[in-house]
Amino acid sequence: MHCVYYPPEVGGLESHVHFLCRALAERGHRVDVVTSRSIDGAPPAEVLEGVHVWRTWFPGKSTAGWVAHAVGSLPRAYRTSQAVDILHAQAFQSIPPLQAVRALRGAPLVATLHTSHFLRLAAKPGWRTLLGRLVDGVDTCLAASREIADVAEALAPGRRVEAITNGVETSIFRRVEPTLAAPGEGVRRIVVPRRLFPKNGVEYLVRALPRIAEDVDVEAVLVGDGPERARLERLASELGVADRVRFEGARPHADMPGILSSAHVAVFPSLMEATSVAALECMACEVPVAASRVGGLPEIVDEDVGTLFEPADPEDLARRVSVLLRRSDLPAVGARARRRVVEQWSNARLADRHVEIYRELIARREAA
């Protein structure tokens, strides 16, 4: 595996790759991950839950940083791939270094396209040709949502891209003892597990809170940090809801089941989104989800497990979330959400499908 970020980094991509690799290792496969040393103090090499992790130089989180990391990771990727059966690039940034390794090693190359960043770049004329060549330059291409798969197929006509929703480790993400103190009598708690970046749309949840508070006694717990935090704190004060918004900051992934289990509803006000691992984690913890009608979110959320609202529309968000919070059957809605994740998007199912894909490619290579 090649992935620019990996735990202890926190995020949907990092979580997906880690739990997939761990599941493959538990099935008896040798799994090596070449990633970046993006967090100071992370060891250059370690075995993390059965996965061999190799961290290479990383100059910074930017396009230039990704390019530099891709080039700098080549020696380690080449050494690590000496006896591999499959190369797997997790996100488009990881395709070029593994294309170079494939040319030398001959192992089949799989790529998975993640994140709204791919969609944003795919809309720019200067990037379309490059991304199309990357999609066309792998043996098998996967995508984290149907939307991403459709865009990738348009970039590389004639190529089939399989949409595989990211999985959740349902043995970890499940209803547990809440770790946040219970809200006051009659107060409904919203959790917003989003990093505070513009694309995640947390501003619109804050703008919706005064309207929600007219119907429901509510508080919002924002779990995540980012450059938007100071502006969102000011906005909450200006709107008179500072006492209803709690900024938890970034929390370790291991803390999330207890935090999620402390909430009545989770809200994802995203402006762009692939299939959200965080939303699936909430559902696995039996928390109903209210989400923007964008990207891959409508592929996992509907009125049976929560609700959908229009993106960047605080009025629609407030109306839909208020109705959801007032429902008397929220526990049943949450239970349906977990059943859906277990049946369709468990990490076990995800790992099994990856093994099928890998074996098909290995058989094809051996038959050639």
Protein backbone atom coordinates (compact mmCIF):
# COMPACT_ATOMS: atom_id res chain seq x y z
CA MET A 1 0.00 0.00 0.00
CA HIS A 2 1.08 3.55 -0.66
CA CYS A 3 -0.87 6.30 1.13
CA VAL A 4 0.32 9.79 1.89
CA TYR A 5 -1.28 9.78 5.38
CA TYR A 6 -1.67 6.98 7.91
CA PRO A 7 -2.35 6.82 11.67
CA PRO A 8 -1.56 8.51 13.99
CA GLU A 9 -2.94 10.99 11.43
CA VAL A 10 -6.72 11.27 11.92
CA GLY A 11 -9.21 11.36 9.04
CA GLY A 12 -11.48 9.30 6.85
CA LEU A 13 -8.78 8.19 4.42
CA GLU A 14 -6.41 7.28 7.23
CA SER A 15 -9.11 5.30 9.04
CA HIS A 16 -10.17 3.46 5.90
CA VAL A 17 -6.65 2.42 4.93
CA HIS A 18 -5.67 1.42 8.46
CA PHE A 19 -8.67 -0.82 9.08
CA LEU A 20 -8.47 -2.36 5.61
CA CYS A 21 -4.78 -3.17 6.11
CA ARG A 22 -5.42 -4.53 9.58
CA ALA A 23 -8.19 -6.80 8.28
CA LEU A 24 -5.94 -8.09 5.49
CA ALA A 25 -3.17 -8.80 8.01
CA GLU A 26 -5.64 -10.65 10.25
CA ARG A 27 -6.46 -12.87 7.26
CA GLY A 28 -2.81 -13.93 7.10
CA HIS A 29 -1.54 -11.58 4.40
CA ARG A 30 1.70 -9.63 4.69
CA VAL A 31 0.81 -5.94 4.39
CA ASP A 32 3.34 -3.11 4.05
CA VAL A 33 2.30 0.55 3.97
CA VAL A 34 4.60 3.24 2.62
CA THR A 35 3.40 6.56 3.98
CA SER A 36 4.71 9.92 5.14
CA ARG A 37 6.22 11.08 8.40
CA SER A 38 3.63 13.84 8.53
CA ILE A 39 3.48 13.95 12.34
CA ASP A 40 6.56 14.84 14.33
CA GLY A 41 7.73 11.98 16.51
CA ALA A 42 6.10 9.20 14.48
CA PRO A 43 8.67 6.40 14.10
CA PRO A 44 10.16 5.84 10.65
CA ALA A 45 9.25 2.15 10.83
CA GLU A 46 6.96 0.10 13.07
CA VAL A 47 4.53 -2.80 13.07
CA LEU A 48 1.13 -1.36 13.91
CA GLU A 49 -1.57 -3.97 14.66
CA GLY A 50 0.07 -6.47 12.33
CA VAL A 51 0.74 -3.94 9.53
CA HIS A 52 4.32 -3.02 8.58
CA VAL A 53 4.42 0.78 8.34
CA TRP A 54 7.26 2.69 6.66
CA ARG A 55 7.27 6.50 6.99
CA THR A 56 9.29 8.65 4.62
CA TRP A 57 10.18 12.34 4.39
CA PHE A 58 7.27 14.77 4.12
CA PRO A 59 7.78 18.51 3.55
CA GLY A 60 4.20 19.69 4.12
CA LYS A 61 0.49 19.35 3.37
CA SER A 62 0.26 20.92 -0.08
CA THR A 63 0.38 19.88 -3.72
CA ALA A 64 4.13 20.53 -3.73
CA GLY A 65 4.45 18.48 -0.55
CA TRP A 66 2.58 15.54 -2.09
CA VAL A 67 4.79 15.61 -5.17
CA ALA A 68 7.96 15.77 -3.08
CA HIS A 69 6.76 12.93 -0.88
CA ALA A 70 5.86 10.79 -3.91
CA VAL A 71 9.38 11.21 -5.31
CA GLY A 72 11.07 10.80 -1.95
CA SER A 73 9.11 7.65 -1.13
CA LEU A 74 10.33 5.79 -4.25
CA PRO A 75 13.44 4.17 -2.71
CA ARG A 76 11.45 2.79 0.24
CA ALA A 77 8.58 1.67 -2.03
CA TYR A 78 11.05 -0.12 -4.29
CA ARG A 79 12.81 -1.92 -1.42
CA THR A 80 9.55 -2.86 0.29
CA SER A 81 8.01 -4.24 -2.90
CA GLN A 82 10.71 -6.82 -3.57
CA ALA A 83 8.38 -9.83 -3.21
CA VAL A 84 4.88 -8.33 -3.38
CA ASP A 85 1.95 -9.77 -5.32
CA ILE A 86 -0.08 -6.52 -5.45
CA LEU A 87 0.65 -2.80 -5.41
CA HIS A 88 -2.21 -0.59 -4.17
CA ALA A 89 -2.25 3.20 -4.43
CA GLN A 90 -4.64 4.77 -1.95
CA ALA A 91 -5.65 8.09 -3.60
CA PHE A 92 -4.45 9.55 -6.87
CA GLN A 93 -1.30 11.08 -5.31
CA SER A 94 0.06 7.59 -4.71
CA ILE A 95 -0.36 6.33 -8.28
CA PRO A 96 2.83 7.81 -9.87
CA PRO A 97 5.33 6.30 -7.40
CA LEU A 98 3.69 2.87 -7.66
CA GLN A 99 3.60 3.10 -11.45
CA ALA A 100 7.39 3.43 -11.29
CA VAL A 101 7.61 0.44 -8.94
CA ARG A 102 5.33 -1.63 -11.20
CA ALA A 103 7.61 -0.95 -14.16
CA LEU A 104 10.49 -2.49 -12.17
CA ARG A 105 8.66 -5.24 -10.23
CA GLY A 106 5.85 -6.27 -12.57
CA ALA A 107 3.20 -6.61 -9.86
CA PRO A 108 -0.37 -5.51 -10.77
CA LEU A 109 -1.35 -2.02 -9.65
CA VAL A 110 -4.70 -1.18 -8.01
CA ALA A 111 -5.71 2.39 -7.24
CA THR A 112 -8.55 3.67 -5.07
CA LEU A 113 -9.78 7.21 -5.64
CA HIS A 114 -10.86 8.97 -2.46
CA THR A 115 -12.00 12.37 -1.28
CA SER A 116 -13.69 15.44 -2.62
CA HIS A 117 -10.24 16.81 -3.50
CA PHE A 118 -10.19 14.48 -6.51
CA LEU A 119 -13.58 15.82 -7.61
CA ARG A 120 -12.46 19.43 -7.18
CA LEU A 121 -9.34 18.92 -9.30
CA ALA A 122 -11.25 16.90 -11.91
CA ALA A 123 -13.35 19.99 -12.60
CA LYS A 124 -10.26 22.01 -13.56
CA PRO A 125 -9.22 21.79 -17.24
CA GLY A 126 -5.53 21.76 -16.38
CA TRP A 127 -5.93 18.69 -14.19
CA ARG A 128 -8.40 16.65 -16.25
CA THR A 129 -5.84 15.24 -18.68
CA LEU A 130 -3.39 14.33 -15.92
CA LEU A 131 -6.03 12.64 -13.75
CA GLY A 132 -7.39 10.78 -16.78
CA ARG A 133 -3.93 9.38 -17.49
CA LEU A 134 -3.57 8.28 -13.88
CA VAL A 135 -6.94 6.48 -13.98
CA ASP A 136 -6.02 4.86 -17.29
CA GLY A 137 -2.57 3.90 -16.07
CA VAL A 138 -3.55 1.31 -13.44
CA ASP A 139 -4.65 -2.30 -13.79
CA THR A 140 -7.79 -1.90 -11.67
CA CYS A 141 -9.37 1.34 -10.50
CA LEU A 142 -11.72 1.60 -7.51
CA ALA A 143 -13.56 4.61 -6.08
CA ALA A 144 -14.99 5.43 -2.67
CA SER A 145 -18.35 6.53 -4.11
CA ARG A 146 -20.41 6.20 -7.28
CA GLU A 147 -19.95 9.92 -7.94
CA ILE A 148 -16.15 9.60 -7.90
CA ALA A 149 -16.36 6.48 -10.10
CA ASP A 150 -18.53 8.29 -12.67
CA VAL A 151 -16.13 11.25 -12.80
CA ALA A 152 -13.14 8.93 -13.18
CA GLU A 153 -14.80 7.02 -16.03
CA ALA A 154 -15.51 10.32 -17.78
CA LEU A 155 -11.84 11.29 -17.44
CA ALA A 156 -10.68 7.98 -18.95
CA PRO A 157 -13.33 6.84 -21.45
CA GLY A 158 -13.49 3.08 -21.80
CA ARG A 159 -12.17 2.37 -18.32
CA ARG A 160 -14.48 0.73 -15.78
CA VAL A 161 -14.16 2.04 -12.23
CA GLU A 162 -15.76 0.01 -9.45
CA ALA A 163 -17.42 1.94 -6.64
CA ILE A 164 -16.68 0.37 -3.25
CA THR A 165 -18.00 2.21 -0.23
CA ASN A 166 -15.41 2.55 2.52
CA GLY A 167 -15.90 0.14 5.40
CA VAL A 168 -16.27 0.48 9.15
CA GLU A 169 -14.74 -1.73 11.82
CA THR A 170 -18.06 -2.56 13.43
CA SER A 171 -16.45 -4.42 16.35
CA ILE A 172 -14.94 -1.08 17.45
CA PHE A 173 -17.60 1.34 16.26
CA ARG A 174 -20.70 0.22 18.15
CA ARG A 175 -22.92 1.57 20.89
CA VAL A 176 -20.81 1.90 24.06
CA GLU A 177 -20.99 3.72 27.37
CA PRO A 178 -21.13 7.47 26.64
CA THR A 179 -17.95 9.32 27.58
CA LEU A 180 -19.38 12.85 27.53
CA ALA A 181 -21.47 13.93 30.49
CA ALA A 182 -25.18 13.72 29.81
CA PRO A 183 -26.76 16.96 28.58
CA GLY A 184 -29.27 18.75 30.77
CA GLU A 185 -32.81 17.52 31.25
CA GLY A 186 -34.65 17.56 27.93
CA VAL A 187 -31.62 18.75 25.95
CA ARG A 188 -30.93 17.03 22.64
CA ARG A 189 -27.26 16.72 21.68
CA ILE A 190 -25.92 16.97 18.13
CA VAL A 191 -22.42 15.72 17.38
CA VAL A 192 -20.52 17.09 14.37
CA PRO A 193 -17.40 14.96 13.80
CA ARG A 194 -15.85 17.24 11.17
CA ARG A 195 -12.51 18.91 10.77
CA LEU A 196 -13.03 22.66 10.66
CA PHE A 197 -12.29 23.35 7.01
CA PRO A 198 -14.61 25.29 4.64
CA LYS A 199 -15.52 22.23 2.54
CA ASN A 200 -17.02 20.51 5.59
CA GLY A 201 -19.69 23.21 5.90
CA VAL A 202 -19.75 23.42 9.70
CA GLU A 203 -20.59 27.12 9.35
CA TYR A 204 -24.06 26.17 8.14
CA LEU A 205 -24.74 24.03 11.20
CA VAL A 206 -23.78 26.97 13.42
CA ARG A 207 -26.02 29.28 11.36
CA ALA A 208 -28.88 26.79 11.70
CA LEU A 209 -28.65 26.47 15.49
CA PRO A 210 -30.78 29.54 16.37
CA ARG A 211 -33.59 28.17 14.22
CA ILE A 212 -33.22 24.63 15.66
CA ALA A 213 -33.25 26.07 19.19
CA GLU A 214 -36.68 27.60 18.53
CA ASP A 215 -38.09 24.06 18.24
CA VAL A 216 -35.77 21.91 20.37
CA ASP A 217 -33.57 22.53 23.40
CA VAL A 218 -30.31 21.60 21.70
CA GLU A 219 -26.53 21.66 22.03
CA ALA A 220 -23.89 20.92 19.39
CA VAL A 221 -20.55 19.24 20.07
CA LEU A 222 -17.99 19.91 17.32
CA VAL A 223 -15.28 17.24 17.27
CA GLY A 224 -12.38 18.32 15.11
CA ASP A 225 -10.05 21.24 14.61
CA GLY A 226 -8.86 23.38 11.73
CA PRO A 227 -8.40 26.91 10.39
CA GLU A 228 -12.12 27.73 10.64
CA ARG A 229 -12.30 27.37 14.43
CA ALA A 230 -11.77 31.01 15.45
CA ARG A 231 -14.25 32.24 12.83
CA LEU A 232 -16.86 29.68 13.91
CA GLU A 233 -16.42 30.65 17.57
CA ARG A 234 -17.03 34.31 16.64
CA LEU A 235 -20.04 33.34 14.52
CA ALA A 236 -21.60 31.38 17.38
CA SER A 237 -21.22 34.43 19.64
CA GLU A 238 -22.68 36.78 17.03
CA LEU A 239 -25.70 34.50 16.58
CA GLY A 240 -26.25 34.17 20.32
CA VAL A 241 -25.66 30.42 20.45
CA ALA A 242 -22.15 30.31 21.96
CA ASP A 243 -23.61 28.57 25.02
CA ARG A 244 -25.04 25.87 22.75
CA VAL A 245 -21.81 25.10 20.85
CA ARG A 246 -19.00 23.11 22.39
CA PHE A 247 -15.67 22.93 20.58
CA GLU A 248 -14.02 19.63 21.56
CA GLY A 249 -11.05 20.00 19.21
CA ALA A 250 -9.35 17.02 17.62
CA ARG A 251 -9.76 13.77 19.51
CA PRO A 252 -7.97 10.42 19.02
CA HIS A 253 -9.82 7.93 16.86
CA ALA A 254 -10.06 5.54 19.80
CA ASP A 255 -12.16 8.11 21.71
CA MET A 256 -14.81 8.39 19.02
CA PRO A 257 -17.17 5.47 19.87
CA GLY A 258 -17.75 6.88 23.35
CA ILE A 259 -18.19 10.43 22.05
CA LEU A 260 -20.58 9.36 19.30
CA SER A 261 -22.58 7.26 21.75
CA SER A 262 -23.08 10.44 23.81
CA ALA A 263 -25.18 12.08 21.07
CA HIS A 264 -28.77 11.84 19.87
CA VAL A 265 -28.01 12.78 16.24
CA ALA A 266 -24.91 13.37 14.09
CA VAL A 267 -24.84 16.15 11.47
CA PHE A 268 -22.67 16.27 8.34
CA PRO A 269 -23.18 19.68 6.66
CA SER A 270 -20.56 18.99 3.97
CA LEU A 271 -20.28 21.02 0.77
CA MET A 272 -18.26 18.24 -0.90
CA GLU A 273 -17.93 14.64 0.25
CA ALA A 274 -17.02 11.19 -0.93
CA THR A 275 -18.62 8.36 1.03
CA SER A 276 -17.99 9.58 4.57
CA VAL A 277 -16.29 7.06 6.84
CA ALA A 278 -17.20 9.29 9.79
CA ALA A 279 -20.89 9.13 8.89
CA LEU A 280 -20.73 5.35 8.66
CA GLU A 281 -18.97 5.24 12.04
CA CYS A 282 -21.83 7.26 13.56
CA MET A 283 -24.36 4.90 12.05
CA ALA A 284 -22.43 1.90 13.38
CA CYS A 285 -22.72 3.47 16.85
CA GLU A 286 -26.52 3.63 16.38
CA VAL A 287 -26.55 7.41 15.93
CA PRO A 288 -29.00 8.69 13.27
CA VAL A 289 -27.29 10.88 10.67
CA ALA A 290 -28.46 14.13 9.08
CA ALA A 291 -26.33 14.95 6.03
CA SER A 292 -26.05 17.26 3.04
CA ARG A 293 -27.39 15.91 -0.21
CA VAL A 294 -23.93 15.89 -1.85
CA GLY A 295 -21.37 13.40 -3.12
CA GLY A 296 -21.65 9.90 -1.70
CA LEU A 297 -23.73 10.84 1.35
CA PRO A 298 -27.11 10.05 -0.31
CA GLU A 299 -25.70 6.59 -1.07
CA ILE A 300 -25.65 5.78 2.65
CA VAL A 301 -28.21 8.11 4.32
CA ASP A 302 -31.98 8.31 3.81
CA GLU A 303 -35.09 8.83 5.92
CA ASP A 304 -34.86 5.31 7.37
CA VAL A 305 -31.57 6.09 9.14
CA GLY A 306 -31.69 9.89 9.43
CA THR A 307 -32.38 12.66 6.93
CA LEU A 308 -30.89 14.67 4.07
CA PHE A 309 -30.87 18.44 3.55
CA GLU A 310 -29.70 20.84 0.87
CA PRO A 311 -26.02 21.88 1.14
CA ALA A 312 -25.17 25.45 2.21
CA ASP A 313 -28.81 25.98 3.26
CA PRO A 314 -29.10 26.61 7.02
CA GLU A 315 -32.89 26.92 6.81
CA ASP A 316 -33.33 23.49 5.25
CA LEU A 317 -30.72 22.05 7.62
CA ALA A 318 -32.55 23.49 10.63
CA ARG A 319 -35.95 22.26 9.44
CA ARG A 320 -34.78 18.71 8.74
CA VAL A 321 -32.65 18.35 11.88
CA SER A 322 -35.43 19.74 14.09
CA VAL A 323 -37.85 17.14 12.76
CA LEU A 324 -35.29 14.38 13.29
CA LEU A 325 -34.49 15.48 16.86
CA ARG A 326 -38.18 15.51 17.78
CA ARG A 327 -38.76 11.94 16.63
CA SER A 328 -39.77 9.63 19.44
CA ASP A 329 -38.25 6.59 17.73
CA LEU A 330 -34.62 7.80 17.49
CA PRO A 331 -33.28 4.62 19.13
CA ALA A 332 -35.03 2.50 16.48
CA VAL A 333 -33.68 4.76 13.72
CA GLY A 334 -30.17 4.31 15.15
CA ALA A 335 -30.60 0.54 15.35
CA ARG A 336 -31.59 0.44 11.66
CA ALA A 337 -28.53 2.53 10.82
CA ARG A 338 -26.23 0.03 12.50
CA ARG A 339 -27.89 -2.93 10.80
CA ARG A 340 -27.39 -1.26 7.44
CA VAL A 341 -23.68 -0.71 8.09
CA VAL A 342 -23.15 -4.27 9.33
CA GLU A 343 -24.98 -5.75 6.34
CA GLN A 344 -23.48 -3.55 3.61
CA TRP A 345 -20.41 -1.64 4.75
CA SER A 346 -18.57 -3.60 7.41
CA ASN A 347 -14.81 -3.67 7.15
CA ALA A 348 -14.96 -7.48 6.89
CA ARG A 349 -16.98 -7.23 3.66
CA LEU A 350 -14.61 -4.57 2.34
CA ALA A 351 -11.54 -6.71 3.02
CA ASP A 352 -13.13 -9.78 1.43
CA ARG A 353 -13.90 -7.84 -1.76
CA HIS A 354 -10.33 -6.53 -1.91
CA VAL A 355 -8.94 -10.05 -1.60
CA GLU A 356 -11.20 -11.14 -4.50
CA ILE A 357 -9.90 -8.28 -6.65
CA TYR A 358 -6.28 -9.01 -5.77
CA ARG A 359 -6.64 -12.72 -6.56
CA GLU A 360 -8.27 -11.98 -9.92
CA LEU A 361 -5.34 -9.74 -10.87
CA ILE A 362 -2.74 -12.27 -9.71
CA ALA A 363 -4.45 -15.05 -11.70
CA ARG A 364 -4.59 -12.81 -14.76
CA ARG A 365 -0.87 -12.06 -14.47
CA GLU A 366 0.02 -15.74 -14.04
CA ALA A 367 -2.07 -16.70 -17.06
CA ALA A 368 -0.44 -14.08 -19.30
